[in-house]
Amino acid sequence: MKIRFDLIQEANRDLISNLIQFECYDLCTIYNKDLEENGRFSYELHDCYIRDKESYIIRIDDKIAGFLLVRKKIGLVSVEEFWIYPKYRKGLTTYKVLREYCNIKKGLVEYLILKERESWVKTLEYMFRKHPNYVEIVIKQDIQLFINSEVRDFVRYVVRVKERNN
């Protein structure tokens, strides 16, 4: 399996907007979202995801498989949206994508995971346990964020990704 990260640029805006519609469909029961009158989910794609040049379209064997929307913050980058197309969620694919992301991103990385998405939390924790030599948990905390007029529970991880000693 070949995993590749293509930097999201302005020319990819329509593509990423289409992929976000799939993500919204995946999460519509969790967030209790309705469709807009145009048959699409409401979602504002923040310019920072493109401007900061930290966000990626994920490709597996050259096929579009998902995205990472990342925002620069002071002293770290924050993975705020991470979505994998259902076909590629089998086995350890999500873990392998996150591991590859750690191979290209060194320093402090923040992950915000909706608690109701327990499989994502377990995938991250598996990666941290499996690679303690180069992925160190700096902060793990339960937080609440106001999303779509509701308070939602998240797990916030800040990890330090070090140079990997194979």
N, C-alpha and C. Protein backbone atom coordinates (compact mmCIF):
# COMPACT_ATOMS: atom_id res chain seq x y z
N MET A 1 0.84 -1.17 0.00
CA MET A 1 0.00 0.00 0.00
C MET A 1 0.89 1.25 0.00
N LYS A 2 0.67 2.13 -0.96
CA LYS A 2 1.44 3.35 -1.08
C LYS A 2 0.58 4.52 -0.62
N ILE A 3 1.04 5.23 0.42
CA ILE A 3 0.31 6.38 0.96
C ILE A 3 1.04 7.64 0.54
N ARG A 4 0.26 8.61 0.05
CA ARG A 4 0.86 9.87 -0.39
C ARG A 4 0.00 11.02 0.13
N PHE A 5 0.66 12.12 0.49
CA PHE A 5 -0.02 13.33 0.94
C PHE A 5 0.21 14.43 -0.09
N ASP A 6 -0.87 14.90 -0.71
CA ASP A 6 -0.78 16.00 -1.66
C ASP A 6 -1.24 17.28 -0.97
N LEU A 7 -0.38 18.28 -0.97
CA LEU A 7 -0.70 19.56 -0.35
C LEU A 7 -1.96 20.15 -0.99
N ILE A 8 -2.89 20.59 -0.16
CA ILE A 8 -4.11 21.23 -0.67
C ILE A 8 -3.77 22.65 -1.09
N GLN A 9 -4.17 22.99 -2.31
CA GLN A 9 -3.95 24.33 -2.84
C GLN A 9 -5.28 24.89 -3.30
N GLU A 10 -5.29 26.16 -3.64
CA GLU A 10 -6.53 26.82 -4.06
C GLU A 10 -7.21 26.05 -5.20
N ALA A 11 -6.44 25.48 -6.10
CA ALA A 11 -7.01 24.73 -7.23
C ALA A 11 -7.76 23.48 -6.76
N ASN A 12 -7.51 23.01 -5.53
CA ASN A 12 -8.17 21.82 -4.98
C ASN A 12 -9.42 22.15 -4.17
N ARG A 13 -9.80 23.41 -4.10
CA ARG A 13 -10.91 23.82 -3.22
C ARG A 13 -12.19 23.03 -3.51
N ASP A 14 -12.56 22.86 -4.78
CA ASP A 14 -13.78 22.11 -5.10
C ASP A 14 -13.66 20.65 -4.69
N LEU A 15 -12.50 20.06 -4.92
CA LEU A 15 -12.28 18.67 -4.53
C LEU A 15 -12.43 18.49 -3.03
N ILE A 16 -11.78 19.34 -2.25
CA ILE A 16 -11.85 19.19 -0.80
C ILE A 16 -13.27 19.47 -0.31
N SER A 17 -13.96 20.43 -0.93
CA SER A 17 -15.36 20.70 -0.56
C SER A 17 -16.24 19.48 -0.81
N ASN A 18 -16.00 18.78 -1.92
CA ASN A 18 -16.76 17.55 -2.21
C ASN A 18 -16.46 16.46 -1.18
N LEU A 19 -15.19 16.31 -0.82
CA LEU A 19 -14.83 15.30 0.18
C LEU A 19 -15.43 15.62 1.54
N ILE A 20 -15.51 16.90 1.87
CA ILE A 20 -16.10 17.30 3.15
C ILE A 20 -17.58 16.92 3.19
N GLN A 21 -18.26 16.92 2.04
CA GLN A 21 -19.65 16.48 2.02
C GLN A 21 -19.77 15.01 2.45
N PHE A 22 -18.82 14.18 2.02
CA PHE A 22 -18.80 12.78 2.47
C PHE A 22 -18.58 12.71 3.98
N GLU A 23 -17.65 13.51 4.48
CA GLU A 23 -17.39 13.52 5.92
C GLU A 23 -18.64 13.95 6.68
N CYS A 24 -19.30 15.00 6.19
CA CYS A 24 -20.53 15.47 6.85
C CYS A 24 -21.59 14.38 6.87
N TYR A 25 -21.70 13.62 5.78
CA TYR A 25 -22.64 12.50 5.75
C TYR A 25 -22.27 11.47 6.82
N ASP A 26 -20.98 11.15 6.92
CA ASP A 26 -20.51 10.21 7.95
C ASP A 26 -20.90 10.66 9.36
N LEU A 27 -20.85 11.96 9.59
CA LEU A 27 -21.05 12.50 10.93
C LEU A 27 -22.45 13.06 11.18
N CYS A 28 -23.34 12.96 10.19
CA CYS A 28 -24.64 13.62 10.33
C CYS A 28 -25.46 13.08 11.50
N THR A 29 -25.32 11.81 11.83
CA THR A 29 -26.08 11.29 12.97
C THR A 29 -25.46 11.71 14.29
N ILE A 30 -24.14 11.86 14.33
CA ILE A 30 -23.48 12.32 15.56
C ILE A 30 -23.80 13.79 15.83
N TYR A 31 -23.68 14.61 14.78
CA TYR A 31 -23.91 16.05 14.92
C TYR A 31 -25.36 16.45 14.71
N ASN A 32 -26.22 15.48 14.33
CA ASN A 32 -27.63 15.76 14.11
C ASN A 32 -27.82 16.86 13.06
N LYS A 33 -27.09 16.72 11.95
CA LYS A 33 -27.10 17.74 10.89
C LYS A 33 -28.19 17.46 9.87
N ASP A 34 -28.80 18.52 9.41
CA ASP A 34 -29.78 18.45 8.33
C ASP A 34 -29.14 18.93 7.04
N LEU A 35 -29.74 18.54 5.93
CA LEU A 35 -29.31 19.04 4.64
C LEU A 35 -29.83 20.46 4.43
N GLU A 36 -29.08 21.24 3.69
CA GLU A 36 -29.54 22.57 3.29
C GLU A 36 -30.55 22.41 2.15
N GLU A 37 -31.19 23.47 1.75
CA GLU A 37 -32.17 23.44 0.67
C GLU A 37 -31.56 23.01 -0.66
N ASN A 38 -30.25 23.19 -0.82
CA ASN A 38 -29.58 22.80 -2.07
C ASN A 38 -29.15 21.33 -2.07
N GLY A 39 -29.52 20.59 -1.00
CA GLY A 39 -29.20 19.16 -0.92
C GLY A 39 -27.81 18.87 -0.41
N ARG A 40 -27.11 19.88 0.06
CA ARG A 40 -25.75 19.71 0.58
C ARG A 40 -25.75 20.01 2.08
N PHE A 41 -24.70 19.57 2.75
CA PHE A 41 -24.51 19.92 4.14
C PHE A 41 -23.85 21.29 4.22
N SER A 42 -24.19 22.02 5.25
CA SER A 42 -23.56 23.32 5.47
C SER A 42 -22.17 23.09 6.08
N TYR A 43 -21.16 23.68 5.47
CA TYR A 43 -19.80 23.59 5.99
C TYR A 43 -18.99 24.73 5.40
N GLU A 44 -18.33 25.47 6.27
CA GLU A 44 -17.49 26.57 5.81
C GLU A 44 -16.03 26.09 5.80
N LEU A 45 -15.45 26.04 4.61
CA LEU A 45 -14.05 25.66 4.46
C LEU A 45 -13.21 26.89 4.78
N HIS A 46 -12.52 26.85 5.91
CA HIS A 46 -11.72 28.00 6.34
C HIS A 46 -10.51 28.17 5.44
N ASP A 47 -10.25 29.40 5.03
CA ASP A 47 -9.12 29.70 4.15
C ASP A 47 -7.79 29.28 4.75
N CYS A 48 -7.70 29.26 6.09
CA CYS A 48 -6.42 28.91 6.72
C CYS A 48 -5.98 27.50 6.34
N TYR A 49 -6.92 26.61 6.07
CA TYR A 49 -6.54 25.24 5.71
C TYR A 49 -5.76 25.21 4.39
N ILE A 50 -6.03 26.17 3.54
CA ILE A 50 -5.30 26.26 2.26
C ILE A 50 -4.10 27.19 2.40
N ARG A 51 -4.32 28.35 3.02
CA ARG A 51 -3.28 29.37 3.16
C ARG A 51 -2.07 28.88 3.96
N ASP A 52 -2.30 28.14 5.05
CA ASP A 52 -1.21 27.71 5.93
C ASP A 52 -0.31 26.66 5.30
N LYS A 53 -0.73 26.07 4.21
CA LYS A 53 0.05 25.04 3.50
C LYS A 53 0.48 23.90 4.42
N GLU A 54 -0.49 23.42 5.22
CA GLU A 54 -0.26 22.30 6.12
C GLU A 54 -1.29 21.19 5.92
N SER A 55 -2.28 21.41 5.04
CA SER A 55 -3.37 20.46 4.86
C SER A 55 -3.13 19.61 3.62
N TYR A 56 -3.66 18.37 3.66
CA TYR A 56 -3.34 17.41 2.61
C TYR A 56 -4.55 16.62 2.15
N ILE A 57 -4.54 16.27 0.86
CA ILE A 57 -5.41 15.23 0.33
C ILE A 57 -4.63 13.94 0.49
N ILE A 58 -5.26 12.93 1.03
CA ILE A 58 -4.60 11.63 1.25
C ILE A 58 -4.90 10.74 0.06
N ARG A 59 -3.86 10.15 -0.48
CA ARG A 59 -4.01 9.19 -1.58
C ARG A 59 -3.43 7.85 -1.14
N ILE A 60 -4.15 6.80 -1.48
CA ILE A 60 -3.68 5.44 -1.24
C ILE A 60 -3.64 4.75 -2.60
N ASP A 61 -2.46 4.27 -2.95
CA ASP A 61 -2.25 3.69 -4.28
C ASP A 61 -2.77 4.61 -5.37
N ASP A 62 -2.48 5.89 -5.24
CA ASP A 62 -2.82 6.96 -6.19
C ASP A 62 -4.31 7.28 -6.28
N LYS A 63 -5.14 6.69 -5.43
CA LYS A 63 -6.57 6.97 -5.41
C LYS A 63 -6.87 7.91 -4.24
N ILE A 64 -7.79 8.84 -4.43
CA ILE A 64 -8.19 9.74 -3.35
C ILE A 64 -8.79 8.91 -2.23
N ALA A 65 -8.26 9.08 -1.02
CA ALA A 65 -8.71 8.27 0.12
C ALA A 65 -9.13 9.10 1.32
N GLY A 66 -8.95 10.42 1.28
CA GLY A 66 -9.35 11.23 2.42
C GLY A 66 -8.61 12.55 2.46
N PHE A 67 -8.62 13.16 3.65
CA PHE A 67 -7.94 14.45 3.81
C PHE A 67 -7.55 14.68 5.26
N LEU A 68 -6.60 15.56 5.43
CA LEU A 68 -6.18 16.10 6.73
C LEU A 68 -6.28 17.61 6.61
N LEU A 69 -7.14 18.24 7.41
CA LEU A 69 -7.20 19.69 7.45
C LEU A 69 -6.48 20.15 8.71
N VAL A 70 -5.44 20.92 8.50
CA VAL A 70 -4.52 21.28 9.58
C VAL A 70 -4.41 22.79 9.67
N ARG A 71 -4.42 23.29 10.89
CA ARG A 71 -4.30 24.73 11.14
C ARG A 71 -3.02 24.99 11.92
N LYS A 72 -2.26 26.01 11.51
CA LYS A 72 -1.07 26.41 12.26
C LYS A 72 -1.51 27.17 13.50
N LYS A 73 -0.92 26.81 14.63
CA LYS A 73 -1.12 27.55 15.87
C LYS A 73 0.26 27.89 16.39
N ILE A 74 0.31 28.73 17.40
CA ILE A 74 1.61 29.11 17.95
C ILE A 74 2.28 27.88 18.53
N GLY A 75 3.44 27.50 17.97
CA GLY A 75 4.24 26.41 18.50
C GLY A 75 3.83 25.01 18.08
N LEU A 76 2.73 24.88 17.32
CA LEU A 76 2.31 23.54 16.90
C LEU A 76 1.40 23.63 15.69
N VAL A 77 1.08 22.46 15.12
CA VAL A 77 0.03 22.37 14.11
C VAL A 77 -1.10 21.54 14.70
N SER A 78 -2.32 21.89 14.34
CA SER A 78 -3.49 21.22 14.90
C SER A 78 -4.24 20.49 13.79
N VAL A 79 -4.33 19.16 13.92
CA VAL A 79 -5.11 18.35 12.99
C VAL A 79 -6.56 18.47 13.44
N GLU A 80 -7.33 19.27 12.70
CA GLU A 80 -8.70 19.57 13.11
C GLU A 80 -9.73 18.74 12.38
N GLU A 81 -9.41 18.29 11.19
CA GLU A 81 -10.30 17.41 10.43
C GLU A 81 -9.44 16.32 9.81
N PHE A 82 -9.84 15.08 10.04
CA PHE A 82 -9.12 13.93 9.48
C PHE A 82 -10.18 12.95 9.06
N TRP A 83 -10.24 12.67 7.75
CA TRP A 83 -11.29 11.79 7.25
C TRP A 83 -10.69 10.82 6.25
N ILE A 84 -11.08 9.57 6.39
CA ILE A 84 -10.67 8.50 5.47
C ILE A 84 -11.94 7.91 4.85
N TYR A 85 -11.94 7.77 3.54
CA TYR A 85 -13.05 7.17 2.81
C TYR A 85 -13.29 5.76 3.37
N PRO A 86 -14.57 5.36 3.59
CA PRO A 86 -14.86 4.08 4.24
C PRO A 86 -14.15 2.86 3.63
N LYS A 87 -13.99 2.82 2.33
CA LYS A 87 -13.31 1.69 1.68
C LYS A 87 -11.93 1.45 2.27
N TYR A 88 -11.27 2.52 2.73
CA TYR A 88 -9.89 2.42 3.22
C TYR A 88 -9.78 2.34 4.74
N ARG A 89 -10.88 2.16 5.41
CA ARG A 89 -10.85 2.10 6.89
C ARG A 89 -10.62 0.70 7.42
N LYS A 90 -10.43 -0.27 6.55
CA LYS A 90 -10.27 -1.65 6.98
C LYS A 90 -8.85 -1.89 7.51
N GLY A 91 -8.75 -2.85 8.41
CA GLY A 91 -7.43 -3.22 8.92
C GLY A 91 -6.76 -2.05 9.62
N LEU A 92 -5.49 -1.89 9.38
CA LEU A 92 -4.72 -0.85 10.05
C LEU A 92 -4.45 0.36 9.13
N THR A 93 -5.27 0.55 8.12
CA THR A 93 -5.02 1.62 7.15
C THR A 93 -4.99 3.00 7.81
N THR A 94 -5.95 3.29 8.68
CA THR A 94 -5.98 4.59 9.34
C THR A 94 -4.71 4.80 10.16
N TYR A 95 -4.32 3.77 10.88
CA TYR A 95 -3.07 3.83 11.65
C TYR A 95 -1.88 4.09 10.73
N LYS A 96 -1.82 3.41 9.60
CA LYS A 96 -0.70 3.58 8.67
C LYS A 96 -0.67 5.00 8.10
N VAL A 97 -1.84 5.58 7.84
CA VAL A 97 -1.89 6.95 7.35
C VAL A 97 -1.35 7.90 8.42
N LEU A 98 -1.79 7.73 9.66
CA LEU A 98 -1.29 8.59 10.74
C LEU A 98 0.21 8.41 10.96
N ARG A 99 0.69 7.20 10.85
CA ARG A 99 2.13 6.93 11.01
C ARG A 99 2.91 7.64 9.90
N GLU A 100 2.40 7.57 8.68
CA GLU A 100 3.07 8.26 7.57
C GLU A 100 3.05 9.77 7.77
N TYR A 101 1.94 10.29 8.31
CA TYR A 101 1.88 11.73 8.59
C TYR A 101 2.96 12.11 9.60
N CYS A 102 3.16 11.26 10.61
CA CYS A 102 4.22 11.53 11.59
C CYS A 102 5.60 11.49 10.94
N ASN A 103 5.75 10.74 9.88
CA ASN A 103 7.04 10.69 9.19
C ASN A 103 7.35 12.00 8.46
N ILE A 104 6.31 12.77 8.10
CA ILE A 104 6.56 14.04 7.41
C ILE A 104 6.42 15.25 8.33
N LYS A 105 5.83 15.08 9.49
CA LYS A 105 5.57 16.21 10.38
C LYS A 105 6.29 16.00 11.71
N LYS A 106 7.34 16.77 11.95
CA LYS A 106 8.08 16.69 13.21
C LYS A 106 7.66 17.85 14.11
N GLY A 107 7.88 17.72 15.39
CA GLY A 107 7.53 18.78 16.34
C GLY A 107 6.22 18.47 17.04
N LEU A 108 5.55 19.52 17.50
CA LEU A 108 4.31 19.35 18.25
C LEU A 108 3.11 19.31 17.30
N VAL A 109 2.28 18.28 17.48
CA VAL A 109 1.08 18.10 16.67
C VAL A 109 -0.09 17.89 17.63
N GLU A 110 -1.16 18.63 17.41
CA GLU A 110 -2.36 18.51 18.23
C GLU A 110 -3.42 17.75 17.44
N TYR A 111 -4.10 16.82 18.11
CA TYR A 111 -5.23 16.10 17.52
C TYR A 111 -6.45 16.35 18.40
N LEU A 112 -7.56 16.74 17.78
CA LEU A 112 -8.83 16.90 18.48
C LEU A 112 -9.76 15.81 17.96
N ILE A 113 -10.12 14.87 18.83
CA ILE A 113 -10.92 13.71 18.42
C ILE A 113 -12.25 13.72 19.18
N LEU A 114 -13.33 13.69 18.44
CA LEU A 114 -14.65 13.61 19.04
C LEU A 114 -14.75 12.30 19.82
N LYS A 115 -15.10 12.38 21.10
CA LYS A 115 -15.15 11.17 21.94
C LYS A 115 -16.07 10.10 21.38
N GLU A 116 -17.12 10.51 20.71
CA GLU A 116 -18.05 9.54 20.14
C GLU A 116 -17.42 8.74 19.00
N ARG A 117 -16.31 9.21 18.47
CA ARG A 117 -15.59 8.48 17.41
C ARG A 117 -14.50 7.65 18.07
N GLU A 118 -14.92 6.72 18.90
CA GLU A 118 -14.01 5.94 19.74
C GLU A 118 -12.94 5.20 18.95
N SER A 119 -13.26 4.76 17.74
CA SER A 119 -12.26 4.03 16.96
C SER A 119 -11.08 4.92 16.60
N TRP A 120 -11.31 6.23 16.38
CA TRP A 120 -10.21 7.15 16.08
C TRP A 120 -9.32 7.33 17.31
N VAL A 121 -9.96 7.45 18.48
CA VAL A 121 -9.20 7.58 19.73
C VAL A 121 -8.33 6.34 19.92
N LYS A 122 -8.90 5.16 19.71
CA LYS A 122 -8.15 3.92 19.87
C LYS A 122 -7.00 3.82 18.87
N THR A 123 -7.23 4.28 17.64
CA THR A 123 -6.18 4.25 16.62
C THR A 123 -5.00 5.13 17.03
N LEU A 124 -5.31 6.34 17.49
CA LEU A 124 -4.23 7.23 17.95
C LEU A 124 -3.47 6.63 19.12
N GLU A 125 -4.19 6.12 20.10
CA GLU A 125 -3.52 5.55 21.27
C GLU A 125 -2.69 4.34 20.90
N TYR A 126 -3.15 3.55 19.95
CA TYR A 126 -2.37 2.41 19.47
C TYR A 126 -1.05 2.90 18.88
N MET A 127 -1.12 3.95 18.06
CA MET A 127 0.09 4.49 17.45
C MET A 127 1.05 5.00 18.52
N PHE A 128 0.54 5.70 19.53
CA PHE A 128 1.40 6.24 20.57
C PHE A 128 2.08 5.12 21.37
N ARG A 129 1.33 4.06 21.65
CA ARG A 129 1.90 2.92 22.39
C ARG A 129 2.94 2.18 21.55
N LYS A 130 2.65 2.03 20.26
CA LYS A 130 3.53 1.25 19.39
C LYS A 130 4.83 1.98 19.07
N HIS A 131 4.84 3.30 19.11
CA HIS A 131 6.01 4.08 18.73
C HIS A 131 6.41 5.10 19.81
N PRO A 132 6.61 4.66 21.05
CA PRO A 132 6.93 5.63 22.11
C PRO A 132 8.30 6.28 21.91
N ASN A 133 9.15 5.67 21.08
CA ASN A 133 10.47 6.23 20.85
C ASN A 133 10.45 7.50 20.00
N TYR A 134 9.40 7.69 19.20
CA TYR A 134 9.36 8.92 18.40
C TYR A 134 8.04 9.67 18.45
N VAL A 135 7.03 9.14 19.14
CA VAL A 135 5.78 9.86 19.35
C VAL A 135 5.53 9.88 20.84
N GLU A 136 5.68 11.05 21.44
CA GLU A 136 5.55 11.19 22.90
C GLU A 136 4.32 12.04 23.20
N ILE A 137 3.44 11.54 24.06
CA ILE A 137 2.26 12.31 24.47
C ILE A 137 2.72 13.40 25.44
N VAL A 138 2.44 14.65 25.08
CA VAL A 138 2.78 15.78 25.93
C VAL A 138 1.57 16.17 26.77
N ILE A 139 0.39 16.18 26.14
CA ILE A 139 -0.87 16.52 26.82
C ILE A 139 -1.95 15.56 26.35
N LYS A 140 -2.72 15.05 27.30
CA LYS A 140 -3.95 14.33 26.97
C LYS A 140 -5.00 14.87 27.91
N GLN A 141 -6.05 15.44 27.36
CA GLN A 141 -7.08 15.99 28.22
C GLN A 141 -8.44 15.89 27.55
N ASP A 142 -9.46 15.79 28.40
CA ASP A 142 -10.83 15.83 27.92
C ASP A 142 -11.24 17.30 27.88
N ILE A 143 -11.83 17.71 26.75
CA ILE A 143 -12.28 19.08 26.62
C ILE A 143 -13.68 19.09 26.02
N GLN A 144 -14.32 20.22 26.13
CA GLN A 144 -15.62 20.42 25.49
C GLN A 144 -15.51 21.61 24.55
N LEU A 145 -16.07 21.47 23.35
CA LEU A 145 -16.10 22.53 22.36
C LEU A 145 -17.53 22.76 21.92
N PHE A 146 -17.83 23.98 21.56
CA PHE A 146 -19.15 24.37 21.09
C PHE A 146 -19.18 24.17 19.58
N ILE A 147 -19.91 23.16 19.09
CA ILE A 147 -19.98 22.82 17.67
C ILE A 147 -21.45 22.78 17.25
N ASN A 148 -21.79 23.52 16.20
CA ASN A 148 -23.16 23.52 15.67
C ASN A 148 -24.20 23.71 16.77
N SER A 149 -24.02 24.71 17.59
CA SER A 149 -24.96 25.07 18.67
C SER A 149 -25.06 24.03 19.77
N GLU A 150 -24.11 23.11 19.85
CA GLU A 150 -24.11 22.10 20.90
C GLU A 150 -22.72 22.00 21.52
N VAL A 151 -22.69 21.63 22.78
CA VAL A 151 -21.42 21.34 23.44
C VAL A 151 -21.09 19.87 23.18
N ARG A 152 -19.89 19.60 22.65
CA ARG A 152 -19.46 18.24 22.32
C ARG A 152 -18.20 17.90 23.12
N ASP A 153 -18.07 16.62 23.46
CA ASP A 153 -16.91 16.14 24.21
C ASP A 153 -15.83 15.65 23.25
N PHE A 154 -14.61 16.11 23.49
CA PHE A 154 -13.45 15.74 22.69
C PHE A 154 -12.34 15.24 23.58
N VAL A 155 -11.44 14.48 22.97
CA VAL A 155 -10.17 14.16 23.61
C VAL A 155 -9.13 14.97 22.85
N ARG A 156 -8.32 15.72 23.58
CA ARG A 156 -7.27 16.53 22.97
C ARG A 156 -5.93 15.90 23.31
N TYR A 157 -5.18 15.61 22.26
CA TYR A 157 -3.82 15.11 22.41
C TYR A 157 -2.87 16.15 21.83
N VAL A 158 -1.80 16.42 22.52
CA VAL A 158 -0.68 17.13 21.92
C VAL A 158 0.49 16.17 22.04
N VAL A 159 1.09 15.86 20.90
CA VAL A 159 2.20 14.90 20.88
C VAL A 159 3.43 15.56 20.28
N ARG A 160 4.57 15.09 20.70
CA ARG A 160 5.83 15.52 20.12
C ARG A 160 6.32 14.41 19.21
N VAL A 161 6.46 14.73 17.94
CA VAL A 161 6.97 13.77 16.96
C VAL A 161 8.45 14.04 16.81
N LYS A 162 9.27 13.04 17.15
CA LYS A 162 10.71 13.19 17.11
C LYS A 162 11.26 12.53 15.84
N GLU A 163 12.52 12.75 15.59
CA GLU A 163 13.18 12.04 14.49
C GLU A 163 13.09 10.55 14.76
N ARG A 164 12.76 9.83 13.75
CA ARG A 164 12.57 8.38 13.90
C ARG A 164 13.90 7.64 13.76
N ASN A 165 14.16 6.78 14.73
CA ASN A 165 15.35 5.90 14.67
C ASN A 165 14.86 4.52 14.27
N ASN A 166 14.98 4.21 12.99
CA ASN A 166 14.45 2.92 12.50
C ASN A 166 15.19 1.81 13.10
